[in-house]
């Protein structure tokens, strides 16, 4: 009996350690991992498409968001209220730049959790440390009037390889109080979506 207790305690400790160290790869679908692996390719293609048709004013905004080098950040630095806007680059049109809305990053279940709070289109999901001072975003989009969607990952419906609302991206700090989340190859409209966040 004592030996059984020791085995159970050890198994429980191992399970806790595994859960505590689980990274974004344990949640992300293979499809989304492949999308993120092609981030550099998507960025180059999206910027090229934008530069061949976006108005000069839009290009200045795009370069102000996309040109800065990524800097390391921490979970604590992410927490709080943000202004946020979406830039859609390439694809159906050269670019679309939306107005500013409100976002918040708070702790949920021990992980930083992003929510876009205003506007007709919503984004929400978890941010996982990537080991290099960046964070991987796993979330989902929804629109006003429907329940907020959760990232489905490997649980995509009806055996599909992906759910259209699922989002994967890389969050980087690009200046004091300035973040970007690059989301390569969304399934609708654009070559890359970028969520810009400012304090």
N, C-alpha and C. Protein backbone atom coordinates (compact mmCIF):
# COMPACT_ATOMS: atom_id res chain seq x y z
N UNK A 1 0.83 -1.20 0.00
CA UNK A 1 0.00 0.00 0.00
C UNK A 1 0.87 1.26 0.00
N UNK A 2 1.92 1.23 0.85
CA UNK A 2 2.82 2.38 0.92
C UNK A 2 3.51 2.61 -0.44
N UNK A 3 3.90 1.47 -1.08
CA UNK A 3 4.55 1.58 -2.39
C UNK A 3 3.60 2.18 -3.42
N UNK A 4 2.31 1.79 -3.38
CA UNK A 4 1.31 2.33 -4.30
C UNK A 4 1.16 3.83 -4.11
N UNK A 5 1.17 4.29 -2.84
CA UNK A 5 1.06 5.73 -2.56
C UNK A 5 2.24 6.48 -3.15
N UNK A 6 3.43 5.92 -2.98
CA UNK A 6 4.64 6.57 -3.51
C UNK A 6 4.55 6.68 -5.03
N UNK A 7 4.09 5.59 -5.68
CA UNK A 7 3.96 5.59 -7.13
C UNK A 7 2.94 6.64 -7.57
N UNK A 8 1.80 6.71 -6.87
CA UNK A 8 0.76 7.68 -7.23
C UNK A 8 1.24 9.11 -7.04
N UNK A 9 1.96 9.36 -5.95
CA UNK A 9 2.48 10.70 -5.69
C UNK A 9 3.48 11.08 -6.77
N UNK A 10 4.36 10.14 -7.12
CA UNK A 10 5.36 10.41 -8.16
C UNK A 10 4.69 10.68 -9.51
N UNK A 11 3.65 9.88 -9.82
CA UNK A 11 2.93 10.08 -11.08
C UNK A 11 2.25 11.44 -11.11
N UNK A 12 1.65 11.81 -9.96
CA UNK A 12 0.99 13.12 -9.88
C UNK A 12 1.98 14.25 -10.04
N UNK A 13 3.16 14.12 -9.44
CA UNK A 13 4.19 15.15 -9.55
C UNK A 13 4.66 15.28 -11.00
N UNK A 14 4.83 14.14 -11.66
CA UNK A 14 5.26 14.17 -13.06
C UNK A 14 4.21 14.83 -13.94
N UNK A 15 2.93 14.52 -13.69
CA UNK A 15 1.84 15.12 -14.46
C UNK A 15 1.80 16.62 -14.25
N UNK A 16 1.98 17.06 -12.98
CA UNK A 16 1.97 18.49 -12.68
C UNK A 16 3.13 19.19 -13.38
N UNK A 17 4.31 18.55 -13.34
CA UNK A 17 5.48 19.16 -13.98
C UNK A 17 5.26 19.28 -15.48
N UNK A 18 4.65 18.26 -16.09
CA UNK A 18 4.38 18.30 -17.53
C UNK A 18 3.41 19.43 -17.86
N UNK A 19 2.33 19.56 -17.07
CA UNK A 19 1.34 20.61 -17.31
C UNK A 19 1.95 21.99 -17.12
N UNK A 20 2.81 22.10 -16.09
CA UNK A 20 3.38 23.41 -15.78
C UNK A 20 4.36 23.87 -16.85
N UNK A 21 5.00 22.92 -17.53
CA UNK A 21 5.98 23.29 -18.54
C UNK A 21 5.44 23.15 -19.96
N UNK A 22 4.15 22.81 -20.08
CA UNK A 22 3.57 22.63 -21.42
C UNK A 22 3.68 23.94 -22.19
N UNK A 23 4.13 23.85 -23.43
CA UNK A 23 4.28 25.04 -24.24
C UNK A 23 3.20 25.12 -25.31
N UNK A 24 3.32 26.13 -26.15
CA UNK A 24 2.30 26.35 -27.16
C UNK A 24 2.23 25.20 -28.16
N UNK A 25 3.35 24.49 -28.36
CA UNK A 25 3.35 23.38 -29.31
C UNK A 25 2.42 22.25 -28.86
N UNK A 26 2.18 22.16 -27.55
CA UNK A 26 1.28 21.12 -27.04
C UNK A 26 -0.18 21.42 -27.35
N UNK A 27 -0.47 22.68 -27.66
CA UNK A 27 -1.84 23.11 -27.92
C UNK A 27 -2.10 23.38 -29.39
N UNK A 28 -1.10 23.90 -30.09
CA UNK A 28 -1.28 24.30 -31.49
C UNK A 28 -1.41 23.10 -32.40
N UNK A 29 -2.28 23.22 -33.38
CA UNK A 29 -2.41 22.16 -34.39
C UNK A 29 -1.17 22.15 -35.28
N UNK A 30 -0.96 21.04 -35.95
CA UNK A 30 0.18 20.94 -36.88
C UNK A 30 0.05 21.98 -37.98
N UNK A 31 -1.17 22.20 -38.44
CA UNK A 31 -1.43 23.21 -39.48
C UNK A 31 -0.95 24.58 -39.02
N UNK A 32 -1.29 24.95 -37.78
CA UNK A 32 -0.90 26.27 -37.28
C UNK A 32 0.59 26.36 -37.00
N UNK A 33 1.19 25.28 -36.54
CA UNK A 33 2.64 25.29 -36.35
C UNK A 33 3.35 25.53 -37.68
N UNK A 34 2.79 24.95 -38.75
CA UNK A 34 3.39 25.16 -40.08
C UNK A 34 3.18 26.61 -40.54
N UNK A 35 2.01 27.17 -40.22
CA UNK A 35 1.79 28.58 -40.58
C UNK A 35 2.82 29.48 -39.90
N UNK A 36 3.04 29.25 -38.60
CA UNK A 36 3.98 30.10 -37.87
C UNK A 36 5.41 29.89 -38.36
N UNK A 37 5.75 28.68 -38.76
CA UNK A 37 7.09 28.41 -39.28
C UNK A 37 7.36 29.19 -40.57
N UNK A 38 6.30 29.61 -41.26
CA UNK A 38 6.43 30.36 -42.51
C UNK A 38 6.24 31.87 -42.30
N UNK A 39 6.47 32.33 -41.07
CA UNK A 39 6.25 33.74 -40.74
C UNK A 39 7.11 34.66 -41.60
N UNK A 40 8.39 34.38 -41.73
CA UNK A 40 9.26 35.26 -42.53
C UNK A 40 8.78 35.33 -43.98
N UNK A 41 8.40 34.19 -44.52
CA UNK A 41 7.90 34.14 -45.90
C UNK A 41 6.63 34.98 -46.03
N UNK A 42 5.70 34.84 -45.08
CA UNK A 42 4.44 35.59 -45.12
C UNK A 42 4.69 37.08 -44.99
N UNK A 43 5.62 37.45 -44.10
CA UNK A 43 5.94 38.87 -43.91
C UNK A 43 6.47 39.49 -45.20
N UNK A 44 7.41 38.81 -45.83
CA UNK A 44 8.00 39.32 -47.08
C UNK A 44 6.94 39.46 -48.17
N UNK A 45 6.10 38.44 -48.31
CA UNK A 45 5.06 38.46 -49.34
C UNK A 45 4.03 39.55 -49.05
N UNK A 46 3.59 39.67 -47.80
CA UNK A 46 2.58 40.66 -47.45
C UNK A 46 3.09 42.08 -47.66
N UNK A 47 4.33 42.35 -47.27
CA UNK A 47 4.89 43.69 -47.46
C UNK A 47 5.04 44.02 -48.94
N UNK A 48 5.44 43.04 -49.73
CA UNK A 48 5.57 43.25 -51.18
C UNK A 48 4.21 43.58 -51.80
N UNK A 49 3.19 42.84 -51.40
CA UNK A 49 1.84 43.09 -51.93
C UNK A 49 1.33 44.46 -51.51
N UNK A 50 1.61 44.86 -50.27
CA UNK A 50 1.17 46.17 -49.79
C UNK A 50 1.90 47.29 -50.54
N UNK A 51 3.19 47.11 -50.75
CA UNK A 51 3.98 48.16 -51.41
C UNK A 51 3.60 48.35 -52.88
N UNK A 52 2.91 47.38 -53.46
CA UNK A 52 2.49 47.49 -54.86
C UNK A 52 1.04 47.94 -54.99
N UNK A 53 0.55 48.74 -54.07
CA UNK A 53 -0.82 49.20 -54.22
C UNK A 53 -1.38 50.02 -53.07
N UNK A 54 -0.73 49.99 -51.91
CA UNK A 54 -1.26 50.73 -50.76
C UNK A 54 -0.94 52.22 -50.91
N UNK A 55 -1.83 53.09 -50.45
CA UNK A 55 -1.55 54.54 -50.47
C UNK A 55 -0.31 54.87 -49.64
N UNK A 56 0.33 55.98 -49.97
CA UNK A 56 1.57 56.37 -49.28
C UNK A 56 1.37 56.51 -47.77
N UNK A 57 0.23 57.07 -47.36
CA UNK A 57 -0.03 57.24 -45.92
C UNK A 57 -0.11 55.89 -45.21
N UNK A 58 -0.75 54.93 -45.88
CA UNK A 58 -0.84 53.59 -45.30
C UNK A 58 0.54 52.94 -45.21
N UNK A 59 1.35 53.13 -46.25
CA UNK A 59 2.69 52.53 -46.25
C UNK A 59 3.54 53.08 -45.10
N UNK A 60 3.39 54.36 -44.80
CA UNK A 60 4.13 54.94 -43.67
C UNK A 60 3.72 54.27 -42.36
N UNK A 61 2.42 54.02 -42.19
CA UNK A 61 1.94 53.33 -41.00
C UNK A 61 2.45 51.90 -40.96
N UNK A 62 2.36 51.21 -42.09
CA UNK A 62 2.80 49.82 -42.17
C UNK A 62 4.28 49.69 -41.79
N UNK A 63 5.11 50.57 -42.35
CA UNK A 63 6.54 50.49 -42.06
C UNK A 63 6.85 50.86 -40.61
N UNK A 64 6.06 51.77 -40.03
CA UNK A 64 6.26 52.13 -38.62
C UNK A 64 6.00 50.94 -37.70
N UNK A 65 5.12 50.03 -38.14
CA UNK A 65 4.80 48.84 -37.34
C UNK A 65 5.71 47.68 -37.67
N UNK A 66 6.04 47.51 -38.94
CA UNK A 66 6.76 46.32 -39.37
C UNK A 66 8.28 46.46 -39.39
N UNK A 67 8.79 47.68 -39.49
CA UNK A 67 10.24 47.86 -39.61
C UNK A 67 11.02 47.68 -38.31
N UNK A 68 10.49 48.11 -37.15
CA UNK A 68 11.31 47.98 -35.93
C UNK A 68 11.70 46.54 -35.63
N UNK A 69 12.94 46.37 -35.16
CA UNK A 69 13.42 45.05 -34.75
C UNK A 69 12.66 44.59 -33.51
N UNK A 70 12.40 43.30 -33.45
CA UNK A 70 11.74 42.72 -32.28
C UNK A 70 12.67 42.79 -31.08
N UNK A 71 12.10 43.12 -29.92
CA UNK A 71 12.85 43.17 -28.66
C UNK A 71 12.25 42.16 -27.70
N UNK A 72 13.07 41.68 -26.79
CA UNK A 72 12.58 40.75 -25.77
C UNK A 72 11.66 41.48 -24.80
N UNK A 73 10.64 40.77 -24.33
CA UNK A 73 9.74 41.33 -23.33
C UNK A 73 9.39 40.25 -22.31
N UNK A 74 8.63 40.62 -21.31
CA UNK A 74 8.25 39.68 -20.24
C UNK A 74 6.74 39.67 -20.09
N UNK A 75 6.22 38.62 -19.47
CA UNK A 75 4.77 38.52 -19.26
C UNK A 75 4.26 39.70 -18.44
N UNK A 76 5.00 40.10 -17.42
CA UNK A 76 4.52 41.20 -16.57
C UNK A 76 4.44 42.51 -17.34
N UNK A 77 5.34 42.69 -18.32
CA UNK A 77 5.32 43.92 -19.11
C UNK A 77 4.12 43.97 -20.06
N UNK A 78 3.53 42.81 -20.34
CA UNK A 78 2.39 42.76 -21.27
C UNK A 78 1.07 43.12 -20.60
N UNK A 79 1.00 42.92 -19.30
CA UNK A 79 -0.29 43.03 -18.61
C UNK A 79 -0.80 44.46 -18.58
N UNK A 80 -2.12 44.59 -18.70
CA UNK A 80 -2.76 45.89 -18.60
C UNK A 80 -3.60 46.23 -19.81
N UNK A 81 -4.00 47.49 -19.89
CA UNK A 81 -4.87 47.96 -20.96
C UNK A 81 -4.04 48.51 -22.12
N UNK A 82 -4.53 48.29 -23.32
CA UNK A 82 -3.84 48.72 -24.54
C UNK A 82 -4.84 49.31 -25.53
N UNK A 83 -4.35 50.21 -26.38
CA UNK A 83 -5.07 50.56 -27.60
C UNK A 83 -4.59 49.59 -28.65
N UNK A 84 -5.49 49.15 -29.54
CA UNK A 84 -5.07 48.16 -30.53
C UNK A 84 -5.81 48.40 -31.85
N UNK A 85 -5.14 48.02 -32.92
CA UNK A 85 -5.77 48.09 -34.25
C UNK A 85 -5.18 46.98 -35.11
N UNK A 86 -5.97 46.57 -36.09
CA UNK A 86 -5.57 45.50 -37.00
C UNK A 86 -5.13 46.08 -38.34
N UNK A 87 -4.02 45.57 -38.85
CA UNK A 87 -3.56 45.86 -40.20
C UNK A 87 -3.65 44.56 -40.98
N UNK A 88 -4.36 44.60 -42.10
CA UNK A 88 -4.44 43.43 -42.98
C UNK A 88 -3.58 43.73 -44.21
N UNK A 89 -2.59 42.89 -44.44
CA UNK A 89 -1.61 43.16 -45.49
C UNK A 89 -1.69 42.09 -46.57
N UNK A 90 -1.77 42.54 -47.83
CA UNK A 90 -1.77 41.63 -48.97
C UNK A 90 -3.07 40.86 -49.10
N UNK A 91 -3.09 39.98 -50.08
CA UNK A 91 -4.28 39.16 -50.30
C UNK A 91 -5.27 39.85 -51.21
N UNK A 92 -6.51 39.94 -50.76
CA UNK A 92 -7.60 40.48 -51.57
C UNK A 92 -7.34 41.94 -51.96
N UNK A 93 -6.81 42.74 -51.02
CA UNK A 93 -6.45 44.13 -51.29
C UNK A 93 -5.02 44.36 -50.79
N UNK A 94 -4.35 45.41 -51.26
CA UNK A 94 -2.99 45.64 -50.78
C UNK A 94 -2.90 45.79 -49.27
N UNK A 95 -3.88 46.51 -48.70
CA UNK A 95 -3.87 46.69 -47.24
C UNK A 95 -5.22 47.22 -46.78
N UNK A 96 -5.51 46.97 -45.51
CA UNK A 96 -6.63 47.60 -44.80
C UNK A 96 -6.10 47.91 -43.40
N UNK A 97 -6.29 49.16 -42.97
CA UNK A 97 -5.87 49.55 -41.62
C UNK A 97 -7.12 50.01 -40.87
N UNK A 98 -7.43 49.31 -39.81
CA UNK A 98 -8.63 49.61 -39.03
C UNK A 98 -8.35 50.70 -37.99
N UNK A 99 -9.43 51.22 -37.42
CA UNK A 99 -9.32 52.23 -36.37
C UNK A 99 -8.84 51.59 -35.07
N UNK A 100 -8.52 52.46 -34.11
CA UNK A 100 -8.06 52.00 -32.80
C UNK A 100 -9.24 51.54 -31.95
N UNK A 101 -9.04 50.45 -31.23
CA UNK A 101 -10.01 49.94 -30.28
C UNK A 101 -9.31 49.65 -28.95
N UNK A 102 -10.03 49.05 -28.03
CA UNK A 102 -9.45 48.74 -26.71
C UNK A 102 -9.14 47.25 -26.61
N UNK A 103 -7.96 46.95 -26.10
CA UNK A 103 -7.55 45.58 -25.80
C UNK A 103 -7.07 45.51 -24.35
N UNK A 104 -7.02 44.30 -23.83
CA UNK A 104 -6.52 44.09 -22.47
C UNK A 104 -5.75 42.77 -22.45
N UNK A 105 -4.64 42.76 -21.72
CA UNK A 105 -3.92 41.52 -21.46
C UNK A 105 -3.92 41.31 -19.95
N UNK A 106 -4.48 40.20 -19.53
CA UNK A 106 -4.56 39.88 -18.10
C UNK A 106 -4.09 38.44 -17.91
N UNK A 107 -3.97 38.03 -16.66
CA UNK A 107 -3.61 36.64 -16.39
C UNK A 107 -4.87 35.80 -16.29
N UNK A 108 -4.88 34.69 -16.98
CA UNK A 108 -6.01 33.77 -16.93
C UNK A 108 -5.43 32.36 -16.88
N UNK A 109 -5.66 31.66 -15.78
CA UNK A 109 -5.10 30.33 -15.62
C UNK A 109 -3.58 30.33 -15.60
N UNK A 110 -2.98 31.44 -15.16
CA UNK A 110 -1.52 31.53 -15.07
C UNK A 110 -0.83 31.97 -16.33
N UNK A 111 -1.58 32.14 -17.45
CA UNK A 111 -1.00 32.57 -18.72
C UNK A 111 -1.51 33.97 -19.06
N UNK A 112 -0.69 34.80 -19.69
CA UNK A 112 -1.22 36.06 -20.23
C UNK A 112 -2.32 35.76 -21.25
N UNK A 113 -3.39 36.54 -21.18
CA UNK A 113 -4.56 36.30 -22.03
C UNK A 113 -4.97 37.62 -22.66
N UNK A 114 -5.02 37.65 -23.98
CA UNK A 114 -5.35 38.85 -24.75
C UNK A 114 -6.83 38.87 -25.10
N UNK A 115 -7.45 40.05 -24.93
CA UNK A 115 -8.84 40.24 -25.36
C UNK A 115 -8.96 41.58 -26.08
N UNK A 116 -9.55 41.57 -27.27
CA UNK A 116 -9.95 42.82 -27.93
C UNK A 116 -11.37 43.10 -27.46
N UNK A 117 -11.55 44.23 -26.78
CA UNK A 117 -12.78 44.49 -26.03
C UNK A 117 -13.83 45.27 -26.82
N UNK A 118 -13.42 46.05 -27.79
CA UNK A 118 -14.38 46.88 -28.52
C UNK A 118 -14.23 46.65 -30.03
N UNK A 119 -15.21 47.16 -30.78
CA UNK A 119 -15.22 46.95 -32.22
C UNK A 119 -16.14 45.79 -32.57
N UNK A 120 -16.41 45.63 -33.85
CA UNK A 120 -17.35 44.58 -34.28
C UNK A 120 -16.67 43.22 -34.43
N UNK A 121 -15.34 43.22 -34.54
CA UNK A 121 -14.60 41.97 -34.64
C UNK A 121 -13.75 41.79 -33.39
N UNK A 122 -13.81 40.61 -32.82
CA UNK A 122 -13.11 40.35 -31.56
C UNK A 122 -12.01 39.32 -31.77
N UNK A 123 -11.01 39.43 -30.92
CA UNK A 123 -9.88 38.52 -30.90
C UNK A 123 -9.60 38.20 -29.45
N UNK A 124 -9.38 36.95 -29.14
CA UNK A 124 -9.00 36.61 -27.77
C UNK A 124 -8.25 35.28 -27.76
N UNK A 125 -7.28 35.19 -26.85
CA UNK A 125 -6.52 33.96 -26.73
C UNK A 125 -5.33 34.10 -25.82
N UNK A 126 -4.63 33.01 -25.64
CA UNK A 126 -3.50 32.93 -24.71
C UNK A 126 -2.19 33.29 -25.39
N UNK A 127 -1.26 33.79 -24.58
CA UNK A 127 0.09 34.12 -25.02
C UNK A 127 1.06 33.21 -24.28
N UNK A 128 1.87 32.48 -25.04
CA UNK A 128 2.81 31.52 -24.47
C UNK A 128 4.24 31.98 -24.71
N UNK A 129 5.09 31.98 -23.68
CA UNK A 129 6.49 32.37 -23.90
C UNK A 129 7.15 31.44 -24.91
N UNK A 130 7.97 32.04 -25.77
CA UNK A 130 8.61 31.28 -26.84
C UNK A 130 10.09 31.02 -26.56
N UNK A 131 10.56 31.43 -25.39
CA UNK A 131 11.94 31.17 -25.01
C UNK A 131 12.95 32.15 -25.54
N UNK A 132 12.51 33.14 -26.32
CA UNK A 132 13.44 34.12 -26.88
C UNK A 132 12.97 35.55 -26.61
N UNK A 133 12.13 35.71 -25.59
CA UNK A 133 11.61 37.04 -25.27
C UNK A 133 10.40 37.42 -26.09
N UNK A 134 9.94 36.52 -26.95
CA UNK A 134 8.71 36.73 -27.72
C UNK A 134 7.64 35.79 -27.15
N UNK A 135 6.40 35.97 -27.60
CA UNK A 135 5.29 35.14 -27.15
C UNK A 135 4.51 34.67 -28.36
N UNK A 136 4.06 33.42 -28.31
CA UNK A 136 3.20 32.89 -29.35
C UNK A 136 1.75 33.08 -28.91
N UNK A 137 0.96 33.66 -29.79
CA UNK A 137 -0.46 33.88 -29.55
C UNK A 137 -1.26 32.76 -30.18
N UNK A 138 -2.10 32.11 -29.39
CA UNK A 138 -3.05 31.11 -29.89
C UNK A 138 -4.43 31.59 -29.49
N UNK A 139 -5.21 32.00 -30.48
CA UNK A 139 -6.51 32.57 -30.18
C UNK A 139 -7.51 32.30 -31.28
N UNK A 140 -8.60 33.05 -31.23
CA UNK A 140 -9.67 32.87 -32.20
C UNK A 140 -10.38 34.21 -32.40
N UNK A 141 -10.97 34.35 -33.56
CA UNK A 141 -11.72 35.56 -33.88
C UNK A 141 -13.21 35.26 -33.81
N UNK A 142 -13.97 36.31 -33.55
CA UNK A 142 -15.43 36.21 -33.55
C UNK A 142 -15.97 37.60 -33.86
N UNK A 143 -17.27 37.69 -34.07
CA UNK A 143 -17.88 38.99 -34.35
C UNK A 143 -18.95 39.27 -33.30
N UNK A 144 -19.28 40.56 -33.18
CA UNK A 144 -20.29 40.97 -32.22
C UNK A 144 -21.60 40.22 -32.46
N UNK A 145 -22.21 39.75 -31.39
CA UNK A 145 -23.48 39.05 -31.51
C UNK A 145 -23.34 37.54 -31.41
N UNK A 146 -22.11 37.03 -31.48
CA UNK A 146 -21.91 35.60 -31.29
C UNK A 146 -20.98 35.38 -30.10
N UNK A 147 -21.05 34.20 -29.49
CA UNK A 147 -20.16 33.93 -28.36
C UNK A 147 -18.70 34.03 -28.81
N UNK A 148 -17.85 34.46 -27.89
CA UNK A 148 -16.43 34.50 -28.21
C UNK A 148 -15.92 33.09 -28.44
N UNK A 149 -15.16 32.91 -29.49
CA UNK A 149 -14.64 31.60 -29.83
C UNK A 149 -13.34 31.34 -29.08
N UNK A 150 -13.07 30.08 -28.82
CA UNK A 150 -11.80 29.67 -28.22
C UNK A 150 -10.96 28.98 -29.28
N UNK A 151 -9.67 29.04 -29.12
CA UNK A 151 -8.76 28.36 -30.04
C UNK A 151 -9.06 26.86 -30.01
N UNK A 152 -9.27 26.27 -31.18
CA UNK A 152 -9.65 24.86 -31.21
C UNK A 152 -8.46 23.94 -31.33
N UNK A 153 -7.34 24.43 -31.90
CA UNK A 153 -6.14 23.61 -32.00
C UNK A 153 -6.39 22.28 -32.67
N UNK A 154 -6.06 21.21 -31.97
CA UNK A 154 -6.24 19.88 -32.53
C UNK A 154 -7.69 19.40 -32.45
N UNK A 155 -8.59 20.26 -31.95
CA UNK A 155 -9.98 19.88 -31.86
C UNK A 155 -10.85 20.50 -32.93
N UNK A 156 -10.28 20.74 -34.11
CA UNK A 156 -11.05 21.33 -35.22
C UNK A 156 -12.26 20.46 -35.53
N UNK A 157 -13.35 21.11 -35.91
CA UNK A 157 -14.63 20.42 -36.03
C UNK A 157 -14.69 19.52 -37.26
N UNK A 158 -15.49 18.50 -37.17
CA UNK A 158 -15.83 17.60 -38.28
C UNK A 158 -14.63 17.05 -39.03
N UNK A 159 -13.55 16.83 -38.29
CA UNK A 159 -12.36 16.24 -38.89
C UNK A 159 -11.58 17.18 -39.79
N UNK A 160 -11.94 18.47 -39.79
CA UNK A 160 -11.22 19.43 -40.62
C UNK A 160 -9.84 19.67 -40.04
N UNK A 161 -8.84 20.00 -40.88
CA UNK A 161 -7.50 20.24 -40.35
C UNK A 161 -7.39 21.54 -39.58
N UNK A 162 -8.35 22.45 -39.77
CA UNK A 162 -8.27 23.75 -39.13
C UNK A 162 -9.68 24.34 -39.01
N UNK A 163 -9.87 25.18 -38.01
CA UNK A 163 -11.11 25.94 -37.87
C UNK A 163 -10.82 27.36 -38.38
N UNK A 164 -11.66 27.92 -39.25
CA UNK A 164 -11.36 29.22 -39.87
C UNK A 164 -11.12 30.34 -38.86
N UNK A 165 -11.70 30.25 -37.67
CA UNK A 165 -11.54 31.32 -36.69
C UNK A 165 -10.23 31.24 -35.92
N UNK A 166 -9.54 30.09 -35.99
CA UNK A 166 -8.30 29.94 -35.24
C UNK A 166 -7.23 30.93 -35.73
N UNK A 167 -6.46 31.45 -34.77
CA UNK A 167 -5.38 32.39 -35.09
C UNK A 167 -4.10 31.93 -34.39
N UNK A 168 -2.99 32.10 -35.06
CA UNK A 168 -1.68 31.89 -34.46
C UNK A 168 -0.81 33.06 -34.88
N UNK A 169 0.00 33.55 -33.95
CA UNK A 169 0.86 34.68 -34.27
C UNK A 169 2.02 34.79 -33.31
N UNK A 170 2.92 35.69 -33.63
CA UNK A 170 4.10 35.94 -32.81
C UNK A 170 4.02 37.36 -32.28
N UNK A 171 4.01 37.49 -30.94
CA UNK A 171 3.99 38.80 -30.30
C UNK A 171 5.42 39.22 -29.99
N UNK A 172 5.76 40.45 -30.38
CA UNK A 172 7.07 41.03 -30.08
C UNK A 172 6.88 42.45 -29.59
N UNK A 173 7.78 42.88 -28.72
CA UNK A 173 7.84 44.30 -28.36
C UNK A 173 8.65 45.00 -29.43
N UNK A 174 8.17 46.15 -29.90
CA UNK A 174 8.90 46.88 -30.95
C UNK A 174 9.25 48.30 -30.50
N UNK A 175 9.05 48.58 -29.23
CA UNK A 175 9.38 49.88 -28.66
C UNK A 175 8.71 50.00 -27.31
N UNK A 176 9.04 51.01 -26.52
CA UNK A 176 8.39 51.18 -25.22
C UNK A 176 6.88 51.32 -25.37
N UNK A 177 6.14 50.44 -24.70
CA UNK A 177 4.69 50.49 -24.79
C UNK A 177 4.15 50.25 -26.18
N UNK A 178 4.85 49.44 -26.98
CA UNK A 178 4.46 49.23 -28.38
C UNK A 178 4.72 47.76 -28.73
N UNK A 179 3.67 47.05 -29.11
CA UNK A 179 3.74 45.63 -29.44
C UNK A 179 3.15 45.39 -30.82
N UNK A 180 3.55 44.26 -31.42
CA UNK A 180 2.87 43.79 -32.63
C UNK A 180 2.71 42.28 -32.51
N UNK A 181 1.59 41.80 -33.04
CA UNK A 181 1.36 40.36 -33.18
C UNK A 181 1.19 40.09 -34.66
N UNK A 182 2.12 39.34 -35.23
CA UNK A 182 2.09 39.00 -36.65
C UNK A 182 1.43 37.64 -36.82
N UNK A 183 0.35 37.59 -37.59
CA UNK A 183 -0.42 36.37 -37.80
C UNK A 183 -0.34 35.97 -39.27
N UNK A 184 0.53 35.01 -39.60
CA UNK A 184 0.75 34.66 -41.01
C UNK A 184 -0.36 33.80 -41.59
N UNK A 185 -0.66 34.06 -42.84
CA UNK A 185 -1.58 33.26 -43.64
C UNK A 185 -2.92 32.96 -42.95
N UNK A 186 -3.66 34.03 -42.55
CA UNK A 186 -5.03 33.77 -42.09
C UNK A 186 -5.83 33.16 -43.23
N UNK A 187 -6.89 32.45 -42.91
CA UNK A 187 -7.63 31.72 -43.94
C UNK A 187 -8.52 32.60 -44.79
N UNK A 188 -8.74 33.85 -44.35
CA UNK A 188 -9.61 34.75 -45.09
C UNK A 188 -8.89 36.04 -45.42
N UNK A 189 -9.07 36.53 -46.61
CA UNK A 189 -8.79 37.89 -47.07
C UNK A 189 -7.32 38.24 -47.28
N UNK A 190 -6.47 38.12 -46.27
CA UNK A 190 -5.14 38.72 -46.34
C UNK A 190 -4.03 37.68 -46.33
N UNK A 191 -2.81 38.16 -46.62
CA UNK A 191 -1.63 37.31 -46.52
C UNK A 191 -1.11 37.30 -45.09
N UNK A 192 -1.24 38.43 -44.41
CA UNK A 192 -0.85 38.52 -43.00
C UNK A 192 -1.73 39.53 -42.29
N UNK A 193 -2.16 39.19 -41.09
CA UNK A 193 -2.82 40.14 -40.20
C UNK A 193 -1.83 40.54 -39.12
N UNK A 194 -1.84 41.81 -38.78
CA UNK A 194 -0.97 42.31 -37.72
C UNK A 194 -1.83 43.07 -36.72
N UNK A 195 -1.75 42.70 -35.45
CA UNK A 195 -2.42 43.45 -34.40
C UNK A 195 -1.37 44.32 -33.74
N UNK A 196 -1.54 45.64 -33.86
CA UNK A 196 -0.64 46.60 -33.24
C UNK A 196 -1.24 47.02 -31.91
N UNK A 197 -0.42 47.06 -30.86
CA UNK A 197 -0.88 47.47 -29.53
C UNK A 197 0.01 48.58 -29.01
N UNK A 198 -0.61 49.62 -28.47
CA UNK A 198 0.11 50.75 -27.86
C UNK A 198 -0.51 51.07 -26.51
N UNK A 199 0.32 51.55 -25.59
CA UNK A 199 -0.17 52.01 -24.30
C UNK A 199 -0.88 53.34 -24.49
